[in-house]
Amino acid sequence: MVLTFKQKFNKKYGFDKDESHSIEDISKITGYTLKGLKDIFSKGEGAYFSNPQSVRKGITSSQQWAIARVYASVSAGSKSAKIDVNELKPRKGFHLMPDGSIMKGDSHS
């Protein structure tokens, strides 16, 4: 079985496979700015309406599609992470690694 980006997120951070998180939670857990994640969420909602043929079966709302995009975007190396790179900014005290992941602490450590 292929894991969803939400399930990969939960596995990486030690949560139950299908546990849900708010955008605020995802920001705190990953170190990405809340503003950036909210911008990605908004882009996901817009995509739900502007490109309905791309929406997968089982998705019943723009909010589901948008939060799925957020989970995908915080997954380093994903297509969404590459598309949303301008929105994925580290919060204060975090820095981006060359592979696109984020680490807590000074970038010169």
Protein backbone atom coordinates (compact mmCIF):
# COMPACT_ATOMS: atom_id res chain seq x y z
CA MET A 1 0.00 0.00 0.00
CA VAL A 2 1.27 3.44 -0.93
CA LEU A 3 1.25 5.96 1.92
CA THR A 4 -0.37 9.36 1.48
CA PHE A 5 1.69 12.47 2.24
CA LYS A 6 -0.32 12.83 5.47
CA GLN A 7 0.62 9.27 6.46
CA LYS A 8 4.27 9.88 5.54
CA PHE A 9 4.21 13.05 7.65
CA ASN A 10 2.74 11.16 10.61
CA LYS A 11 5.29 8.36 10.27
CA LYS A 12 8.19 10.82 10.10
CA TYR A 13 7.05 12.74 13.19
CA GLY A 14 5.85 9.75 15.24
CA PHE A 15 2.07 10.21 15.08
CA ASP A 16 -0.65 7.65 14.45
CA LYS A 17 -0.94 6.94 10.71
CA ASP A 18 -4.22 8.78 10.13
CA GLU A 19 -3.92 11.55 12.73
CA SER A 20 -4.94 14.98 11.41
CA HIS A 21 -3.14 18.24 12.12
CA SER A 22 -4.07 21.88 11.74
CA ILE A 23 -1.96 24.22 9.64
CA GLU A 24 -0.75 25.74 12.91
CA ASP A 25 0.33 22.29 14.15
CA ILE A 26 2.16 21.56 10.90
CA SER A 27 4.00 24.89 11.17
CA LYS A 28 5.11 24.16 14.75
CA ILE A 29 6.14 20.60 13.92
CA THR A 30 8.03 21.31 10.69
CA GLY A 31 9.45 24.79 11.31
CA TYR A 32 7.85 26.35 8.22
CA THR A 33 6.12 29.72 8.62
CA LEU A 34 2.40 29.75 9.25
CA LYS A 35 1.94 32.42 6.58
CA GLY A 36 3.64 30.25 3.96
CA LEU A 37 1.55 27.21 4.83
CA LYS A 38 -1.64 29.29 4.74
CA ASP A 39 -0.64 30.55 1.29
CA ILE A 40 -0.16 26.94 0.12
CA PHE A 41 -3.54 26.02 1.61
CA SER A 42 -5.16 28.86 -0.35
CA LYS A 43 -3.47 27.70 -3.55
CA GLY A 44 -4.83 24.21 -2.90
CA GLU A 45 -8.36 25.52 -2.45
CA GLY A 46 -8.07 27.47 -5.69
CA ALA A 47 -6.76 24.42 -7.55
CA TYR A 48 -9.73 22.38 -6.34
CA PHE A 49 -12.10 24.74 -8.11
CA SER A 50 -9.99 25.77 -11.11
CA ASN A 51 -8.77 22.28 -12.05
CA PRO A 52 -11.49 19.83 -10.91
CA GLN A 53 -10.31 17.05 -13.24
CA SER A 54 -7.13 16.73 -11.15
CA VAL A 55 -9.06 16.14 -7.90
CA ARG A 56 -8.86 12.51 -6.81
CA LYS A 57 -11.88 10.38 -6.04
CA GLY A 58 -12.83 10.53 -2.39
CA ILE A 59 -11.97 14.23 -2.01
CA THR A 60 -15.24 15.98 -1.21
CA SER A 61 -14.17 19.51 -0.31
CA SER A 62 -11.68 22.19 -1.21
CA GLN A 63 -10.37 22.07 2.38
CA GLN A 64 -9.46 18.37 2.04
CA TRP A 65 -7.61 19.07 -1.21
CA ALA A 66 -5.87 22.10 0.31
CA ILE A 67 -4.61 20.35 3.46
CA ALA A 68 -3.40 17.45 1.31
CA ARG A 69 -1.35 19.98 -0.65
CA VAL A 70 0.12 21.33 2.60
CA TYR A 71 1.15 17.81 3.69
CA ALA A 72 2.69 17.21 0.26
CA SER A 73 4.50 20.55 0.26
CA VAL A 74 6.24 19.92 3.59
CA SER A 75 7.55 16.60 2.25
CA ALA A 76 11.05 17.36 0.93
CA GLY A 77 11.52 16.21 -2.64
CA SER A 78 7.81 16.08 -3.49
CA LYS A 79 6.43 17.74 -6.61
CA SER A 80 4.44 20.13 -4.40
CA ALA A 81 7.53 21.09 -2.39
CA LYS A 82 9.22 22.09 -5.64
CA ILE A 83 6.17 24.04 -6.86
CA ASP A 84 5.59 25.77 -3.51
CA VAL A 85 9.25 26.50 -2.76
CA ASN A 86 8.63 30.26 -2.59
CA GLU A 87 6.04 29.80 0.16
CA LEU A 88 8.12 27.33 2.20
CA LYS A 89 10.10 29.67 4.43
CA PRO A 90 11.67 28.58 7.72
CA ARG A 91 10.43 30.11 10.96
CA LYS A 92 12.89 31.98 13.14
CA GLY A 93 15.34 29.50 14.65
CA PHE A 94 15.12 27.10 11.69
CA HIS A 95 17.03 26.85 8.41
CA LEU A 96 16.70 25.07 5.08
CA MET A 97 19.05 22.22 4.24
CA PRO A 98 20.38 21.70 0.69
CA ASP A 99 17.96 18.77 0.19
CA GLY A 100 14.97 21.02 0.95
CA SER A 101 14.39 19.68 4.44
CA ILE A 102 14.35 22.00 7.43
CA MET A 103 16.43 21.85 10.61
CA LYS A 104 16.19 23.63 13.92
CA GLY A 105 19.18 25.72 14.91
CA ASP A 106 21.81 27.97 13.37
CA SER A 107 22.68 27.22 9.74
CA HIS A 108 26.36 27.52 10.62
CA SER A 109 26.30 24.72 13.21
